[in-house]
Amino acid sequence: MPCYCDGMKTGKPSKSDKKDFSKRLCRLRDTAGLSQRNVAKQMGISQPSYANWESHNVSLKPEQLVHLADVLGVDVSELLEDHNKKRRGGPAGKVRRLFEDVSTLPRNRQQRIIAVVEDMVTVAKQTAGAHQ
């Protein structure tokens, strides 16, 4: 479900002005390629509750901030402060999160997954080189 970011043509915006945290949260979630529903599920809350975080001033507990930062693949400081820097997101962020999940598997399974990915990357590079 989309958030009400600046310049958005559809949807009902909040009656109160968004504060920096809400704007930053919306931007970071979009950059991570996640829906409000995805984030809410990982946070253990309902989607409407999470949507409230993106549209109103909210007070989060420290452990919620840590978990939210982990879900979005950012540092807590990036949630709290506008670093004005470009951040890797989208596919790169998804790949990083996927490999973090892989790192929790038994060593032999990790090695099999890495071997498959390495082979696929090698083939993709060879194919890309052949098309140049």
C-alpha atoms as a PDB file:
ATOM      1  CA  MET A   1       0.000   0.000   0.000  1.00  0.00           C
ATOM      2  CA  PRO A   2       1.586   3.331  -1.001  1.00  0.00           C
ATOM      3  CA  CYS A   3       2.333   6.062   1.487  1.00  0.00           C
ATOM      4  CA  TYR A   4       1.314   9.660   0.964  1.00  0.00           C
ATOM      5  CA  CYS A   5       4.650  11.076  -0.155  1.00  0.00           C
ATOM      6  CA  ASP A   6       5.169  14.594  -1.490  1.00  0.00           C
ATOM      7  CA  GLY A   7       3.986  14.934  -5.067  1.00  0.00           C
ATOM      8  CA  MET A   8       1.648  11.947  -4.875  1.00  0.00           C
ATOM      9  CA  LYS A   9      -1.416  12.600  -7.025  1.00  0.00           C
ATOM     10  CA  THR A  10      -3.806  10.048  -5.498  1.00  0.00           C
ATOM     11  CA  GLY A  11      -4.951   9.063  -2.059  1.00  0.00           C
ATOM     12  CA  LYS A  12      -6.151  11.025   0.928  1.00  0.00           C
ATOM     13  CA  PRO A  13      -3.343  12.902   2.634  1.00  0.00           C
ATOM     14  CA  SER A  14      -3.159  13.339   6.365  1.00  0.00           C
ATOM     15  CA  LYS A  15      -4.861  16.452   7.741  1.00  0.00           C
ATOM     16  CA  SER A  16      -1.759  17.336   9.722  1.00  0.00           C
ATOM     17  CA  ASP A  17       1.624  18.085   8.193  1.00  0.00           C
ATOM     18  CA  LYS A  18       3.996  15.172   8.074  1.00  0.00           C
ATOM     19  CA  LYS A  19       7.033  15.539  10.248  1.00  0.00           C
ATOM     20  CA  ASP A  20      10.537  14.633   9.157  1.00  0.00           C
ATOM     21  CA  PHE A  21      10.443  11.159  10.709  1.00  0.00           C
ATOM     22  CA  SER A  22       7.266  10.182   8.840  1.00  0.00           C
ATOM     23  CA  LYS A  23       8.660  11.429   5.519  1.00  0.00           C
ATOM     24  CA  ARG A  24      11.968   9.674   6.109  1.00  0.00           C
ATOM     25  CA  LEU A  25      10.205   6.437   7.103  1.00  0.00           C
ATOM     26  CA  CYS A  26       8.121   6.487   3.937  1.00  0.00           C
ATOM     27  CA  ARG A  27      11.190   7.190   1.781  1.00  0.00           C
ATOM     28  CA  LEU A  28      13.278   4.456   3.430  1.00  0.00           C
ATOM     29  CA  ARG A  29      10.491   1.892   3.040  1.00  0.00           C
ATOM     30  CA  ASP A  30      10.067   2.771  -0.633  1.00  0.00           C
ATOM     31  CA  THR A  31      13.818   2.588  -1.166  1.00  0.00           C
ATOM     32  CA  ALA A  32      13.892  -0.853   0.442  1.00  0.00           C
ATOM     33  CA  GLY A  33      11.189  -1.965  -1.998  1.00  0.00           C
ATOM     34  CA  LEU A  34       8.780  -2.947   0.767  1.00  0.00           C
ATOM     35  CA  SER A  35       5.044  -2.376   1.128  1.00  0.00           C
ATOM     36  CA  GLN A  36       3.444  -1.096   4.297  1.00  0.00           C
ATOM     37  CA  ARG A  37       1.944  -4.570   4.715  1.00  0.00           C
ATOM     38  CA  ASN A  38       5.427  -6.192   4.462  1.00  0.00           C
ATOM     39  CA  VAL A  39       6.886  -3.884   7.103  1.00  0.00           C
ATOM     40  CA  ALA A  40       3.863  -4.211   9.392  1.00  0.00           C
ATOM     41  CA  LYS A  41       3.990  -8.012   9.226  1.00  0.00           C
ATOM     42  CA  GLN A  42       7.710  -8.066  10.056  1.00  0.00           C
ATOM     43  CA  MET A  43       7.105  -5.616  12.913  1.00  0.00           C
ATOM     44  CA  GLY A  44       4.220  -7.723  14.287  1.00  0.00           C
ATOM     45  CA  ILE A  45       1.639  -4.930  13.928  1.00  0.00           C
ATOM     46  CA  SER A  46      -1.312  -4.265  11.639  1.00  0.00           C
ATOM     47  CA  GLN A  47      -0.902  -2.417   8.344  1.00  0.00           C
ATOM     48  CA  PRO A  48      -3.158   0.453   9.519  1.00  0.00           C
ATOM     49  CA  SER A  49      -0.982   0.871  12.622  1.00  0.00           C
ATOM     50  CA  TYR A  50       2.131   1.047  10.468  1.00  0.00           C
ATOM     51  CA  ALA A  51       0.423   3.471   8.052  1.00  0.00           C
ATOM     52  CA  ASN A  52      -0.158   5.716  11.059  1.00  0.00           C
ATOM     53  CA  TRP A  53       3.628   5.823  11.601  1.00  0.00           C
ATOM     54  CA  GLU A  54       4.036   7.206   8.082  1.00  0.00           C
ATOM     55  CA  SER A  55       1.305   9.807   8.384  1.00  0.00           C
ATOM     56  CA  HIS A  56       1.355  11.073  11.980  1.00  0.00           C
ATOM     57  CA  ASN A  57       3.727  11.912  14.761  1.00  0.00           C
ATOM     58  CA  VAL A  58       4.324   8.735  16.732  1.00  0.00           C
ATOM     59  CA  SER A  59       6.523   7.770  19.650  1.00  0.00           C
ATOM     60  CA  LEU A  60       8.292   4.472  19.147  1.00  0.00           C
ATOM     61  CA  LYS A  61      10.033   2.441  21.814  1.00  0.00           C
ATOM     62  CA  PRO A  62      13.799   1.988  21.367  1.00  0.00           C
ATOM     63  CA  GLU A  63      13.366  -1.724  20.605  1.00  0.00           C
ATOM     64  CA  GLN A  64      10.797  -0.838  17.922  1.00  0.00           C
ATOM     65  CA  LEU A  65      13.276   1.573  16.304  1.00  0.00           C
ATOM     66  CA  VAL A  66      15.981  -1.104  16.288  1.00  0.00           C
ATOM     67  CA  HIS A  67      13.629  -3.688  14.758  1.00  0.00           C
ATOM     68  CA  LEU A  68      12.283  -1.174  12.206  1.00  0.00           C
ATOM     69  CA  ALA A  69      15.809  -0.221  11.148  1.00  0.00           C
ATOM     70  CA  ASP A  70      16.631  -3.915  10.717  1.00  0.00           C
ATOM     71  CA  VAL A  71      13.508  -4.501   8.602  1.00  0.00           C
ATOM     72  CA  LEU A  72      14.377  -1.512   6.376  1.00  0.00           C
ATOM     73  CA  GLY A  73      18.053  -2.460   6.174  1.00  0.00           C
ATOM     74  CA  VAL A  74      19.303   0.833   7.644  1.00  0.00           C
ATOM     75  CA  ASP A  75      20.990   2.087  10.794  1.00  0.00           C
ATOM     76  CA  VAL A  76      18.782   3.510  13.542  1.00  0.00           C
ATOM     77  CA  SER A  77      20.565   6.826  13.046  1.00  0.00           C
ATOM     78  CA  GLU A  78      19.274   6.916   9.464  1.00  0.00           C
ATOM     79  CA  LEU A  79      15.715   6.633  10.785  1.00  0.00           C
ATOM     80  CA  LEU A  80      16.261   9.447  13.263  1.00  0.00           C
ATOM     81  CA  GLU A  81      18.392  11.842  11.211  1.00  0.00           C
ATOM     82  CA  ASP A  82      18.318  12.917   7.600  1.00  0.00           C
ATOM     83  CA  HIS A  83      21.744  11.937   6.341  1.00  0.00           C
ATOM     84  CA  ASN A  84      21.055  13.424   2.890  1.00  0.00           C
ATOM     85  CA  LYS A  85      22.991  10.637   1.258  1.00  0.00           C
ATOM     86  CA  LYS A  86      22.048   8.172  -1.386  1.00  0.00           C
ATOM     87  CA  ARG A  87      21.342   4.747  -0.028  1.00  0.00           C
ATOM     88  CA  ARG A  88      21.425   1.379  -1.653  1.00  0.00           C
ATOM     89  CA  GLY A  89      17.955  -0.034  -1.817  1.00  0.00           C
ATOM     90  CA  GLY A  90      15.727  -1.962  -4.095  1.00  0.00           C
ATOM     91  CA  PRO A  91      17.300  -5.097  -5.558  1.00  0.00           C
ATOM     92  CA  ALA A  92      20.665  -4.590  -3.813  1.00  0.00           C
ATOM     93  CA  GLY A  93      18.930  -4.235  -0.441  1.00  0.00           C
ATOM     94  CA  LYS A  94      16.826  -7.321  -1.114  1.00  0.00           C
ATOM     95  CA  VAL A  95      19.909  -9.337  -2.057  1.00  0.00           C
ATOM     96  CA  ARG A  96      21.678  -8.253   1.125  1.00  0.00           C
ATOM     97  CA  ARG A  97      18.672  -9.243   3.262  1.00  0.00           C
ATOM     98  CA  LEU A  98      18.428 -12.567   1.442  1.00  0.00           C
ATOM     99  CA  PHE A  99      22.076 -13.343   2.135  1.00  0.00           C
ATOM    100  CA  GLU A 100      21.613 -12.351   5.763  1.00  0.00           C
ATOM    101  CA  ASP A 101      18.904 -15.030   5.880  1.00  0.00           C
ATOM    102  CA  VAL A 102      21.217 -17.507   4.148  1.00  0.00           C
ATOM    103  CA  SER A 103      23.879 -16.808   6.787  1.00  0.00           C
ATOM    104  CA  THR A 104      21.578 -18.314   9.419  1.00  0.00           C
ATOM    105  CA  LEU A 105      21.436 -21.666   7.626  1.00  0.00           C
ATOM    106  CA  PRO A 106      23.805 -24.577   8.357  1.00  0.00           C
ATOM    107  CA  ARG A 107      27.248 -24.170   6.765  1.00  0.00           C
ATOM    108  CA  ASN A 108      26.774 -26.936   4.155  1.00  0.00           C
ATOM    109  CA  ARG A 109      23.542 -25.332   2.910  1.00  0.00           C
ATOM    110  CA  GLN A 110      25.215 -21.912   2.773  1.00  0.00           C
ATOM    111  CA  GLN A 111      28.005 -23.371   0.636  1.00  0.00           C
ATOM    112  CA  ARG A 112      25.526 -24.962  -1.789  1.00  0.00           C
ATOM    113  CA  ILE A 113      23.577 -21.722  -2.159  1.00  0.00           C
ATOM    114  CA  ILE A 114      26.767 -19.701  -2.667  1.00  0.00           C
ATOM    115  CA  ALA A 115      27.984 -22.158  -5.325  1.00  0.00           C
ATOM    116  CA  VAL A 116      24.707 -21.838  -7.244  1.00  0.00           C
ATOM    117  CA  VAL A 117      24.743 -18.037  -7.030  1.00  0.00           C
ATOM    118  CA  GLU A 118      28.407 -17.842  -8.075  1.00  0.00           C
ATOM    119  CA  ASP A 119      27.664 -20.032 -11.112  1.00  0.00           C
ATOM    120  CA  MET A 120      24.681 -17.868 -12.058  1.00  0.00           C
ATOM    121  CA  VAL A 121      26.705 -14.660 -11.712  1.00  0.00           C
ATOM    122  CA  THR A 122      29.497 -16.111 -13.863  1.00  0.00           C
ATOM    123  CA  VAL A 123      27.022 -17.080 -16.596  1.00  0.00           C
ATOM    124  CA  ALA A 124      25.303 -13.674 -16.401  1.00  0.00           C
ATOM    125  CA  LYS A 125      28.656 -11.879 -16.782  1.00  0.00           C
ATOM    126  CA  GLN A 126      29.623 -14.077 -19.720  1.00  0.00           C
ATOM    127  CA  THR A 127      26.259 -13.480 -21.375  1.00  0.00           C
ATOM    128  CA  ALA A 128      26.500  -9.725 -20.796  1.00  0.00           C
ATOM    129  CA  GLY A 129      30.037  -9.717 -22.227  1.00  0.00           C
ATOM    130  CA  ALA A 130      28.912 -11.615 -25.329  1.00  0.00           C
ATOM    131  CA  HIS A 131      26.206  -9.009 -26.023  1.00  0.00           C
ATOM    132  CA  GLN A 132      28.577  -6.027 -25.944  1.00  0.00           C
END
